[in-house]
C-alpha atoms as a PDB file:
ATOM      1  CA  MET A   1      25.237 -42.140  -3.985  1.00  0.00           C
ATOM      2  CA  ASN A   2      25.426 -43.295  -0.401  1.00  0.00           C
ATOM      3  CA  LEU A   3      22.041 -42.835   1.289  1.00  0.00           C
ATOM      4  CA  ARG A   4      23.469 -43.810   4.666  1.00  0.00           C
ATOM      5  CA  THR A   5      25.576 -40.733   5.212  1.00  0.00           C
ATOM      6  CA  PRO A   6      25.744 -39.710   8.867  1.00  0.00           C
ATOM      7  CA  PRO A   7      24.715 -36.249  10.084  1.00  0.00           C
ATOM      8  CA  LEU A   8      27.401 -33.574  10.104  1.00  0.00           C
ATOM      9  CA  GLN A   9      29.742 -33.596  13.061  1.00  0.00           C
ATOM     10  CA  VAL A  10      29.633 -30.918  15.759  1.00  0.00           C
ATOM     11  CA  ASP A  11      33.011 -29.547  14.659  1.00  0.00           C
ATOM     12  CA  ASP A  12      31.660 -28.951  11.131  1.00  0.00           C
ATOM     13  CA  PRO A  13      31.202 -25.177  10.521  1.00  0.00           C
ATOM     14  CA  VAL A  14      27.591 -25.593   9.296  1.00  0.00           C
ATOM     15  CA  ALA A  15      26.527 -28.046  11.998  1.00  0.00           C
ATOM     16  CA  GLY A  16      25.167 -25.099  14.014  1.00  0.00           C
ATOM     17  CA  LEU A  17      22.339 -24.723  11.514  1.00  0.00           C
ATOM     18  CA  THR A  18      19.281 -26.520  12.863  1.00  0.00           C
ATOM     19  CA  LEU A  19      16.283 -26.060  10.604  1.00  0.00           C
ATOM     20  CA  ASP A  20      13.695 -25.917  13.402  1.00  0.00           C
ATOM     21  CA  ALA A  21      15.698 -23.179  15.141  1.00  0.00           C
ATOM     22  CA  TYR A  22      16.457 -21.247  11.927  1.00  0.00           C
ATOM     23  CA  LEU A  23      14.347 -18.051  12.006  1.00  0.00           C
ATOM     24  CA  PRO A  24      13.725 -17.739   8.233  1.00  0.00           C
ATOM     25  CA  TYR A  25      12.394 -21.314   8.242  1.00  0.00           C
ATOM     26  CA  ARG A  26      10.163 -20.704  11.300  1.00  0.00           C
ATOM     27  CA  LEU A  27       8.774 -17.527   9.710  1.00  0.00           C
ATOM     28  CA  SER A  28       8.061 -19.344   6.458  1.00  0.00           C
ATOM     29  CA  VAL A  29       6.353 -22.295   8.150  1.00  0.00           C
ATOM     30  CA  ALA A  30       4.221 -20.009  10.322  1.00  0.00           C
ATOM     31  CA  SER A  31       3.317 -17.796   7.369  1.00  0.00           C
ATOM     32  CA  ASN A  32       2.402 -20.792   5.224  1.00  0.00           C
ATOM     33  CA  ALA A  33       0.203 -22.260   7.980  1.00  0.00           C
ATOM     34  CA  VAL A  34      -1.670 -18.989   8.462  1.00  0.00           C
ATOM     35  CA  SER A  35      -1.991 -18.429   4.708  1.00  0.00           C
ATOM     36  CA  ARG A  36      -3.357 -21.951   4.151  1.00  0.00           C
ATOM     37  CA  LEU A  37      -5.942 -21.452   6.913  1.00  0.00           C
ATOM     38  CA  ILE A  38      -7.081 -18.098   5.556  1.00  0.00           C
ATOM     39  CA  ALA A  39      -6.913 -19.229   1.912  1.00  0.00           C
ATOM     40  CA  ARG A  40      -9.256 -22.133   2.567  1.00  0.00           C
ATOM     41  CA  ALA A  41     -11.776 -19.828   4.215  1.00  0.00           C
ATOM     42  CA  TYR A  42     -11.667 -17.185   1.463  1.00  0.00           C
ATOM     43  CA  GLU A  43     -11.607 -19.724  -1.347  1.00  0.00           C
ATOM     44  CA  ASP A  44     -14.397 -21.900   0.025  1.00  0.00           C
ATOM     45  CA  ARG A  45     -16.719 -19.132   1.094  1.00  0.00           C
ATOM     46  CA  PHE A  46     -15.964 -16.306  -1.334  1.00  0.00           C
ATOM     47  CA  GLY A  47     -14.044 -17.854  -4.235  1.00  0.00           C
ATOM     48  CA  LEU A  48     -11.035 -15.586  -3.623  1.00  0.00           C
ATOM     49  CA  THR A  49      -7.364 -16.409  -3.661  1.00  0.00           C
ATOM     50  CA  ILE A  50      -5.008 -14.814  -1.128  1.00  0.00           C
ATOM     51  CA  PRO A  51      -3.515 -12.472  -3.791  1.00  0.00           C
ATOM     52  CA  GLN A  52      -7.036 -11.412  -4.824  1.00  0.00           C
ATOM     53  CA  TRP A  53      -7.944 -10.692  -1.204  1.00  0.00           C
ATOM     54  CA  ARG A  54      -4.723  -8.708  -0.694  1.00  0.00           C
ATOM     55  CA  LEU A  55      -5.438  -6.696  -3.823  1.00  0.00           C
ATOM     56  CA  MET A  56      -8.957  -5.955  -2.599  1.00  0.00           C
ATOM     57  CA  CYS A  57      -7.574  -4.832   0.794  1.00  0.00           C
ATOM     58  CA  VAL A  58      -5.059  -2.467  -0.789  1.00  0.00           C
ATOM     59  CA  LEU A  59      -7.747  -0.938  -2.976  1.00  0.00           C
ATOM     60  CA  ALA A  60     -10.169  -0.657  -0.052  1.00  0.00           C
ATOM     61  CA  GLU A  61      -7.537   1.090   2.088  1.00  0.00           C
ATOM     62  CA  GLY A  62      -5.996   3.374  -0.508  1.00  0.00           C
ATOM     63  CA  GLY A  63      -8.477   3.724  -3.339  1.00  0.00           C
ATOM     64  CA  ALA A  64      -7.522   3.499  -6.993  1.00  0.00           C
ATOM     65  CA  SER A  65      -3.907   2.424  -7.480  1.00  0.00           C
ATOM     66  CA  SER A  66      -1.526   1.543 -10.268  1.00  0.00           C
ATOM     67  CA  PRO A  67      -0.196  -2.007 -10.512  1.00  0.00           C
ATOM     68  CA  ALA A  68       3.305  -0.724  -9.691  1.00  0.00           C
ATOM     69  CA  ALA A  69       2.045   0.893  -6.478  1.00  0.00           C
ATOM     70  CA  ILE A  70       0.196  -2.303  -5.531  1.00  0.00           C
ATOM     71  CA  VAL A  71       3.301  -4.433  -6.155  1.00  0.00           C
ATOM     72  CA  GLY A  72       5.298  -2.086  -3.914  1.00  0.00           C
ATOM     73  CA  ARG A  73       2.659  -2.181  -1.201  1.00  0.00           C
ATOM     74  CA  THR A  74       2.038  -5.944  -1.150  1.00  0.00           C
ATOM     75  CA  GLY A  75       5.339  -7.455  -2.216  1.00  0.00           C
ATOM     76  CA  MET A  76       3.481  -9.538  -4.807  1.00  0.00           C
ATOM     77  CA  ASP A  77       5.287 -10.053  -8.089  1.00  0.00           C
ATOM     78  CA  LYS A  78       3.799  -8.544 -11.256  1.00  0.00           C
ATOM     79  CA  VAL A  79       2.525 -11.872 -12.606  1.00  0.00           C
ATOM     80  CA  THR A  80       0.710 -12.747  -9.373  1.00  0.00           C
ATOM     81  CA  LEU A  81      -0.826  -9.278  -9.253  1.00  0.00           C
ATOM     82  CA  SER A  82      -1.862  -9.483 -12.907  1.00  0.00           C
ATOM     83  CA  ARG A  83      -3.582 -12.843 -12.360  1.00  0.00           C
ATOM     84  CA  ALA A  84      -5.323 -11.583  -9.223  1.00  0.00           C
ATOM     85  CA  ALA A  85      -6.508  -8.435 -11.003  1.00  0.00           C
ATOM     86  CA  HIS A  86      -7.681 -10.421 -14.030  1.00  0.00           C
ATOM     87  CA  GLY A  87      -9.780 -12.729 -11.850  1.00  0.00           C
ATOM     88  CA  LEU A  88     -11.308  -9.811  -9.963  1.00  0.00           C
ATOM     89  CA  LEU A  89     -11.984  -7.931 -13.205  1.00  0.00           C
ATOM     90  CA  GLN A  90     -13.794 -10.974 -14.616  1.00  0.00           C
ATOM     91  CA  ARG A  91     -15.973 -11.132 -11.503  1.00  0.00           C
ATOM     92  CA  ARG A  92     -16.558  -7.372 -11.726  1.00  0.00           C
ATOM     93  CA  LEU A  93     -15.153  -6.848  -8.231  1.00  0.00           C
ATOM     94  CA  VAL A  94     -12.486  -4.487  -9.595  1.00  0.00           C
ATOM     95  CA  GLU A  95     -12.616  -1.846 -12.308  1.00  0.00           C
ATOM     96  CA  ARG A  96      -9.793  -0.722 -14.565  1.00  0.00           C
ATOM     97  CA  ALA A  97      -9.307   2.845 -15.806  1.00  0.00           C
ATOM     98  CA  ASP A  98      -6.693   4.822 -17.693  1.00  0.00           C
ATOM     99  CA  ASN A  99      -3.942   6.327 -15.582  1.00  0.00           C
ATOM    100  CA  HIS A 100      -3.814   9.970 -16.651  1.00  0.00           C
ATOM    101  CA  ALA A 101      -0.597  10.478 -14.674  1.00  0.00           C
ATOM    102  CA  ASP A 102       1.162   7.684 -16.610  1.00  0.00           C
ATOM    103  CA  ALA A 103      -0.158   6.670 -20.029  1.00  0.00           C
ATOM    104  CA  ARG A 104       1.873   3.432 -19.909  1.00  0.00           C
ATOM    105  CA  SER A 105      -0.074   2.263 -16.871  1.00  0.00           C
ATOM    106  CA  HIS A 106      -3.636   1.928 -15.647  1.00  0.00           C
ATOM    107  CA  LEU A 107      -5.470   2.187 -12.356  1.00  0.00           C
ATOM    108  CA  LEU A 108      -7.409  -0.460 -10.497  1.00  0.00           C
ATOM    109  CA  ALA A 109     -10.231   0.311  -8.078  1.00  0.00           C
ATOM    110  CA  LEU A 110     -12.859  -1.682  -6.236  1.00  0.00           C
ATOM    111  CA  SER A 111     -16.222  -1.712  -7.952  1.00  0.00           C
ATOM    112  CA  THR A 112     -19.465  -1.311  -6.006  1.00  0.00           C
ATOM    113  CA  GLU A 113     -19.698  -5.111  -5.846  1.00  0.00           C
ATOM    114  CA  GLY A 114     -16.069  -5.322  -4.722  1.00  0.00           C
ATOM    115  CA  ARG A 115     -16.658  -2.814  -1.923  1.00  0.00           C
ATOM    116  CA  ALA A 116     -19.717  -4.764  -0.763  1.00  0.00           C
ATOM    117  CA  LEU A 117     -17.744  -8.019  -0.704  1.00  0.00           C
ATOM    118  CA  TYR A 118     -14.873  -6.345   1.155  1.00  0.00           C
ATOM    119  CA  VAL A 119     -17.290  -5.050   3.802  1.00  0.00           C
ATOM    120  CA  GLU A 120     -18.603  -8.595   4.203  1.00  0.00           C
ATOM    121  CA  ILE A 121     -15.180 -10.241   4.457  1.00  0.00           C
ATOM    122  CA  ALA A 122     -13.253  -7.698   6.554  1.00  0.00           C
ATOM    123  CA  PRO A 123     -14.944  -8.608   9.867  1.00  0.00           C
ATOM    124  CA  LEU A 124     -14.215 -12.281   9.206  1.00  0.00           C
ATOM    125  CA  ALA A 125     -10.561 -11.495   8.497  1.00  0.00           C
ATOM    126  CA  LEU A 126     -10.349  -9.603  11.771  1.00  0.00           C
ATOM    127  CA  ALA A 127     -12.001 -12.530  13.574  1.00  0.00           C
ATOM    128  CA  TYR A 128      -9.352 -14.898  12.169  1.00  0.00           C
ATOM    129  CA  GLU A 129      -6.637 -12.532  13.322  1.00  0.00           C
ATOM    130  CA  ALA A 130      -8.214 -12.326  16.796  1.00  0.00           C
ATOM    131  CA  ALA A 131      -8.403 -16.132  17.018  1.00  0.00           C
ATOM    132  CA  LEU A 132      -4.764 -16.493  15.922  1.00  0.00           C
ATOM    133  CA  ILE A 133      -3.476 -14.057  18.536  1.00  0.00           C
ATOM    134  CA  ALA A 134      -5.911 -15.011  21.316  1.00  0.00           C
ATOM    135  CA  GLY A 135      -3.135 -16.674  23.333  1.00  0.00           C
ATOM    136  CA  LEU A 136      -0.917 -13.598  23.204  1.00  0.00           C
ATOM    137  CA  ALA A 137      -1.000 -10.530  25.421  1.00  0.00           C
ATOM    138  CA  PRO A 138      -1.666  -7.202  23.646  1.00  0.00           C
ATOM    139  CA  ASP A 139       1.906  -6.058  24.335  1.00  0.00           C
ATOM    140  CA  GLU A 140       3.232  -9.304  22.795  1.00  0.00           C
ATOM    141  CA  VAL A 141       1.147  -8.701  19.662  1.00  0.00           C
ATOM    142  CA  ALA A 142       2.385  -5.119  19.390  1.00  0.00           C
ATOM    143  CA  MET A 143       5.975  -6.294  19.882  1.00  0.00           C
ATOM    144  CA  MET A 144       5.580  -9.036  17.270  1.00  0.00           C
ATOM    145  CA  LYS A 145       4.251  -6.536  14.719  1.00  0.00           C
ATOM    146  CA  ARG A 146       7.135  -4.163  15.409  1.00  0.00           C
ATOM    147  CA  LEU A 147       9.670  -6.978  15.136  1.00  0.00           C
ATOM    148  CA  LEU A 148       8.183  -8.263  11.885  1.00  0.00           C
ATOM    149  CA  LEU A 149       8.388  -4.769  10.391  1.00  0.00           C
ATOM    150  CA  ARG A 150      12.021  -4.523  11.511  1.00  0.00           C
ATOM    151  CA  LEU A 151      12.801  -7.912   9.956  1.00  0.00           C
ATOM    152  CA  GLN A 152      11.089  -6.845   6.736  1.00  0.00           C
ATOM    153  CA  SER A 153      13.115  -3.622   6.697  1.00  0.00           C
ATOM    154  CA  ALA A 154      16.345  -5.499   7.382  1.00  0.00           C
ATOM    155  CA  ALA A 155      15.616  -7.971   4.583  1.00  0.00           C
ATOM    156  CA  ALA A 156      14.862  -5.126   2.172  1.00  0.00           C
ATOM    157  CA  ALA A 157      18.053  -3.330   3.159  1.00  0.00           C
ATOM    158  CA  LEU A 158      20.134  -6.496   2.694  1.00  0.00           C
ATOM    159  CA  ALA A 159      18.550  -6.927  -0.738  1.00  0.00           C
ATOM    160  CA  GLY A 160      19.462  -3.340  -1.640  1.00  0.00           C
ATOM    161  CA  GLU A 161      15.841  -2.173  -1.666  1.00  0.00           C
ATOM    162  CA  ASN A 162      14.351   0.885  -0.025  1.00  0.00           C
ATOM    163  CA  PRO A 163      13.120  -0.666   3.239  1.00  0.00           C
ATOM    164  CA  THR A 164      10.565   2.052   4.031  1.00  0.00           C
ATOM    165  CA  ALA A 165       8.977   2.160   0.575  1.00  0.00           C
ATOM    166  CA  GLU A 166       7.690  -1.381   0.746  1.00  0.00           C
ATOM    167  CA  ALA A 167       6.755  -1.682   4.414  1.00  0.00           C
ATOM    168  CA  PRO A 168       3.015  -2.050   4.874  1.00  0.00           C
ATOM    169  CA  ARG A 169       1.062   0.432   6.932  1.00  0.00           C
ATOM    170  CA  ARG A 170       0.896  -0.572  10.555  1.00  0.00           C
ATOM    171  CA  ARG A 171      -2.231  -1.199  12.509  1.00  0.00           C
ATOM    172  CA  GLU A 172      -1.329  -1.250  16.182  1.00  0.00           C
ATOM    173  CA  ALA A 173      -2.953  -3.864  18.375  1.00  0.00           C
END
């Protein structure tokens, strides 16, 4: 292996790909930076992982839900959701009940303790969001949210998924 290979030449068909200018990369780096910031705060202060917090948010917004509905809403895979639910069940922040509409499934809901913790954390989550977007004008924030939803829909469509079924509910700025 030659470790001194030169960069690709300009006439190379893939030379136009510059990682720092590549949108999927920029989105991933930005998302990871925000997630790490938030994860540290939730983990340190409340002992919650990001998937656990997302699960709590979905249950706070929509009430009792099946794991399949939560996976569709959050984009989490089944294993991540299962681990998040297990941790919250152990801490008694979430309750599990039979799903009478589908005997093969169950429902998850926030417990009284889970609702109390959500009410404590939600204002802090909104404060983090406000700090992150403080340098943006309200119309820029609204545009960014619309564009992110369009990108998510486009990605779902390219993957052959139903783009509207998995898009999160919007909260306009």
